[in-house]
Amino acid sequence: MELTARERAILDFEREWWMLPGPKEAEIRARFEMAPSSYYRTVNVLMEHPGAADYDPLTVKRLRKQRDERRRVRIEGRRADPNTQ
């Protein structure tokens, strides 16, 4: 299943949003005409789309890693020494 143009645009945005001026949420509203909460739900679904990793494997891997870390922190709490694995 291929990605839509909007899905590709979201992955492109996630790859380079930090280089843009202004807050990320404002850019999400302007570029995608959606609330940030809806955008993030879309990103979470998109991370599991089979074509997303084919289109931009590094961005998808980074997003999954961030999601997994946030999930781990919610479940286990923060580590006393963040440098330990």
N, C-alpha and C. Protein backbone atom coordinates (compact mmCIF):
# COMPACT_ATOMS: atom_id res chain seq x y z
N MET A 1 0.83 -1.17 0.00
CA MET A 1 0.00 0.00 0.00
C MET A 1 0.89 1.25 0.00
N GLU A 2 0.66 2.13 -0.94
CA GLU A 2 1.47 3.33 -1.04
C GLU A 2 0.94 4.44 -0.14
N LEU A 3 1.82 5.36 0.17
CA LEU A 3 1.45 6.52 0.96
C LEU A 3 0.75 7.56 0.10
N THR A 4 -0.16 8.29 0.71
CA THR A 4 -0.79 9.40 0.01
C THR A 4 0.17 10.59 0.01
N ALA A 5 -0.15 11.59 -0.78
CA ALA A 5 0.68 12.80 -0.81
C ALA A 5 0.70 13.46 0.57
N ARG A 6 -0.42 13.46 1.27
CA ARG A 6 -0.49 14.06 2.61
C ARG A 6 0.38 13.29 3.60
N GLU A 7 0.36 11.97 3.52
CA GLU A 7 1.19 11.16 4.41
C GLU A 7 2.67 11.40 4.14
N ARG A 8 3.04 11.51 2.89
CA ARG A 8 4.44 11.82 2.55
C ARG A 8 4.81 13.21 3.06
N ALA A 9 3.89 14.16 2.93
CA ALA A 9 4.15 15.53 3.42
C ALA A 9 4.34 15.53 4.94
N ILE A 10 3.59 14.72 5.66
CA ILE A 10 3.74 14.64 7.11
C ILE A 10 5.10 14.07 7.47
N LEU A 11 5.52 13.02 6.79
CA LEU A 11 6.85 12.45 7.05
C LEU A 11 7.95 13.46 6.70
N ASP A 12 7.78 14.17 5.61
CA ASP A 12 8.76 15.19 5.22
C ASP A 12 8.83 16.27 6.31
N PHE A 13 7.69 16.69 6.80
CA PHE A 13 7.63 17.70 7.86
C PHE A 13 8.32 17.20 9.12
N GLU A 14 8.06 15.95 9.51
CA GLU A 14 8.69 15.40 10.71
C GLU A 14 10.20 15.32 10.57
N ARG A 15 10.67 15.14 9.35
CA ARG A 15 12.11 15.06 9.11
C ARG A 15 12.78 16.42 9.29
N GLU A 16 12.07 17.52 8.98
CA GLU A 16 12.76 18.82 8.92
C GLU A 16 12.09 19.95 9.69
N TRP A 17 11.08 19.68 10.51
CA TRP A 17 10.35 20.76 11.19
C TRP A 17 11.25 21.59 12.08
N TRP A 18 12.25 21.00 12.66
CA TRP A 18 13.11 21.71 13.61
C TRP A 18 13.93 22.81 12.94
N MET A 19 14.05 22.79 11.63
CA MET A 19 14.79 23.84 10.91
C MET A 19 13.91 25.05 10.60
N LEU A 20 12.61 24.92 10.81
CA LEU A 20 11.68 26.00 10.48
C LEU A 20 11.59 27.00 11.63
N PRO A 21 11.32 28.26 11.31
CA PRO A 21 11.15 29.24 12.38
C PRO A 21 9.79 29.07 13.04
N GLY A 22 9.71 29.39 14.29
CA GLY A 22 8.43 29.35 14.98
C GLY A 22 8.13 27.99 15.60
N PRO A 23 7.07 27.97 16.40
CA PRO A 23 6.70 26.73 17.08
C PRO A 23 6.16 25.67 16.12
N LYS A 24 6.42 24.43 16.44
CA LYS A 24 5.98 23.31 15.61
C LYS A 24 4.46 23.29 15.49
N GLU A 25 3.75 23.52 16.60
CA GLU A 25 2.29 23.44 16.59
C GLU A 25 1.68 24.48 15.64
N ALA A 26 2.26 25.67 15.59
CA ALA A 26 1.75 26.71 14.69
C ALA A 26 1.96 26.29 13.23
N GLU A 27 3.08 25.70 12.96
CA GLU A 27 3.36 25.23 11.59
C GLU A 27 2.43 24.07 11.21
N ILE A 28 2.12 23.21 12.16
CA ILE A 28 1.17 22.11 11.90
C ILE A 28 -0.18 22.68 11.49
N ARG A 29 -0.66 23.66 12.26
CA ARG A 29 -1.96 24.27 11.96
C ARG A 29 -1.95 24.95 10.58
N ALA A 30 -0.87 25.65 10.27
CA ALA A 30 -0.79 26.38 9.00
C ALA A 30 -0.63 25.44 7.81
N ARG A 31 0.22 24.46 7.95
CA ARG A 31 0.55 23.60 6.82
C ARG A 31 -0.50 22.53 6.56
N PHE A 32 -1.01 21.92 7.64
CA PHE A 32 -1.91 20.78 7.46
C PHE A 32 -3.36 21.09 7.81
N GLU A 33 -3.61 22.30 8.30
CA GLU A 33 -4.96 22.72 8.67
C GLU A 33 -5.64 21.71 9.59
N MET A 34 -4.91 21.33 10.63
CA MET A 34 -5.45 20.41 11.62
C MET A 34 -4.88 20.75 12.99
N ALA A 35 -5.59 20.34 14.02
CA ALA A 35 -5.12 20.57 15.39
C ALA A 35 -3.91 19.69 15.65
N PRO A 36 -2.98 20.15 16.48
CA PRO A 36 -1.81 19.33 16.79
C PRO A 36 -2.17 17.94 17.34
N SER A 37 -3.22 17.85 18.15
CA SER A 37 -3.59 16.54 18.69
C SER A 37 -4.00 15.58 17.57
N SER A 38 -4.74 16.06 16.59
CA SER A 38 -5.12 15.23 15.44
C SER A 38 -3.89 14.87 14.61
N TYR A 39 -3.00 15.82 14.47
CA TYR A 39 -1.76 15.58 13.72
C TYR A 39 -0.95 14.46 14.37
N TYR A 40 -0.79 14.53 15.69
CA TYR A 40 0.02 13.51 16.38
C TYR A 40 -0.64 12.14 16.33
N ARG A 41 -1.98 12.09 16.38
CA ARG A 41 -2.66 10.81 16.20
C ARG A 41 -2.38 10.26 14.81
N THR A 42 -2.40 11.13 13.82
CA THR A 42 -2.10 10.71 12.45
C THR A 42 -0.68 10.20 12.33
N VAL A 43 0.26 10.88 12.96
CA VAL A 43 1.66 10.44 12.93
C VAL A 43 1.80 9.06 13.56
N ASN A 44 1.12 8.82 14.68
CA ASN A 44 1.21 7.52 15.34
C ASN A 44 0.68 6.40 14.47
N VAL A 45 -0.39 6.65 13.75
CA VAL A 45 -0.92 5.65 12.82
C VAL A 45 0.04 5.47 11.65
N LEU A 46 0.57 6.56 11.16
CA LEU A 46 1.47 6.54 10.01
C LEU A 46 2.75 5.77 10.31
N MET A 47 3.23 5.82 11.53
CA MET A 47 4.45 5.08 11.88
C MET A 47 4.32 3.58 11.64
N GLU A 48 3.10 3.07 11.70
CA GLU A 48 2.88 1.64 11.52
C GLU A 48 2.49 1.28 10.08
N HIS A 49 2.34 2.28 9.22
CA HIS A 49 2.01 2.05 7.82
C HIS A 49 3.19 1.37 7.14
N PRO A 50 2.96 0.27 6.42
CA PRO A 50 4.07 -0.44 5.78
C PRO A 50 4.90 0.43 4.83
N GLY A 51 4.27 1.35 4.14
CA GLY A 51 5.00 2.17 3.19
C GLY A 51 5.79 3.30 3.81
N ALA A 52 5.51 3.64 5.07
CA ALA A 52 6.21 4.75 5.73
C ALA A 52 7.69 4.46 5.90
N ALA A 53 8.01 3.26 6.36
CA ALA A 53 9.41 2.90 6.56
C ALA A 53 10.15 2.79 5.22
N ASP A 54 9.43 2.42 4.18
CA ASP A 54 10.05 2.38 2.85
C ASP A 54 10.34 3.79 2.34
N TYR A 55 9.43 4.71 2.61
CA TYR A 55 9.56 6.08 2.12
C TYR A 55 10.66 6.84 2.86
N ASP A 56 10.69 6.75 4.19
CA ASP A 56 11.67 7.49 4.99
C ASP A 56 12.05 6.67 6.22
N PRO A 57 12.91 5.68 6.05
CA PRO A 57 13.22 4.77 7.15
C PRO A 57 13.85 5.44 8.37
N LEU A 58 14.69 6.44 8.18
CA LEU A 58 15.33 7.07 9.33
C LEU A 58 14.35 7.86 10.18
N THR A 59 13.46 8.58 9.54
CA THR A 59 12.47 9.36 10.28
C THR A 59 11.51 8.44 11.02
N VAL A 60 11.05 7.39 10.36
CA VAL A 60 10.13 6.45 11.01
C VAL A 60 10.82 5.76 12.19
N LYS A 61 12.06 5.38 12.02
CA LYS A 61 12.79 4.75 13.11
C LYS A 61 12.94 5.71 14.29
N ARG A 62 13.26 6.96 14.01
CA ARG A 62 13.40 7.96 15.08
C ARG A 62 12.08 8.19 15.80
N LEU A 63 11.00 8.31 15.05
CA LEU A 63 9.69 8.51 15.65
C LEU A 63 9.27 7.32 16.52
N ARG A 64 9.53 6.12 16.03
CA ARG A 64 9.20 4.92 16.82
C ARG A 64 10.03 4.86 18.10
N LYS A 65 11.30 5.21 17.98
CA LYS A 65 12.18 5.20 19.15
C LYS A 65 11.70 6.21 20.19
N GLN A 66 11.32 7.41 19.74
CA GLN A 66 10.79 8.42 20.67
C GLN A 66 9.50 7.95 21.32
N ARG A 67 8.61 7.36 20.53
CA ARG A 67 7.35 6.84 21.07
C ARG A 67 7.60 5.75 22.11
N ASP A 68 8.51 4.83 21.79
CA ASP A 68 8.81 3.74 22.71
C ASP A 68 9.44 4.26 24.00
N GLU A 69 10.29 5.26 23.90
CA GLU A 69 10.91 5.85 25.09
C GLU A 69 9.87 6.54 25.96
N ARG A 70 8.97 7.30 25.35
CA ARG A 70 7.89 7.95 26.12
C ARG A 70 7.03 6.90 26.81
N ARG A 71 6.73 5.82 26.11
CA ARG A 71 5.93 4.74 26.69
C ARG A 71 6.66 4.09 27.86
N ARG A 72 7.96 3.84 27.68
CA ARG A 72 8.74 3.22 28.74
C ARG A 72 8.77 4.11 29.98
N VAL A 73 8.95 5.41 29.79
CA VAL A 73 9.00 6.35 30.91
C VAL A 73 7.66 6.37 31.65
N ARG A 74 6.56 6.33 30.90
CA ARG A 74 5.24 6.31 31.55
C ARG A 74 5.06 5.06 32.39
N ILE A 75 5.55 3.94 31.91
CA ILE A 75 5.35 2.67 32.61
C ILE A 75 6.36 2.48 33.74
N GLU A 76 7.64 2.72 33.46
CA GLU A 76 8.70 2.42 34.43
C GLU A 76 9.16 3.64 35.22
N GLY A 77 8.93 4.83 34.74
CA GLY A 77 9.49 6.02 35.36
C GLY A 77 10.85 6.33 34.77
N ARG A 78 11.35 7.48 35.11
CA ARG A 78 12.67 7.90 34.61
C ARG A 78 13.78 7.15 35.33
N ARG A 79 14.85 6.94 34.60
CA ARG A 79 16.02 6.28 35.19
C ARG A 79 16.77 7.26 36.06
N ALA A 80 17.38 6.75 37.12
CA ALA A 80 18.20 7.61 37.99
C ALA A 80 19.42 8.11 37.24
N ASP A 81 20.02 7.24 36.43
CA ASP A 81 21.17 7.63 35.61
C ASP A 81 20.77 7.46 34.14
N PRO A 82 20.45 8.56 33.45
CA PRO A 82 19.97 8.45 32.07
C PRO A 82 21.00 7.88 31.09
N ASN A 83 22.26 7.80 31.49
CA ASN A 83 23.28 7.29 30.60
C ASN A 83 23.41 5.77 30.64
N THR A 84 22.68 5.12 31.52
CA THR A 84 22.74 3.66 31.59
C THR A 84 21.66 3.06 30.70
N GLN A 85 21.92 1.89 30.24
CA GLN A 85 20.95 1.19 29.37
C GLN A 85 20.28 0.14 30.13
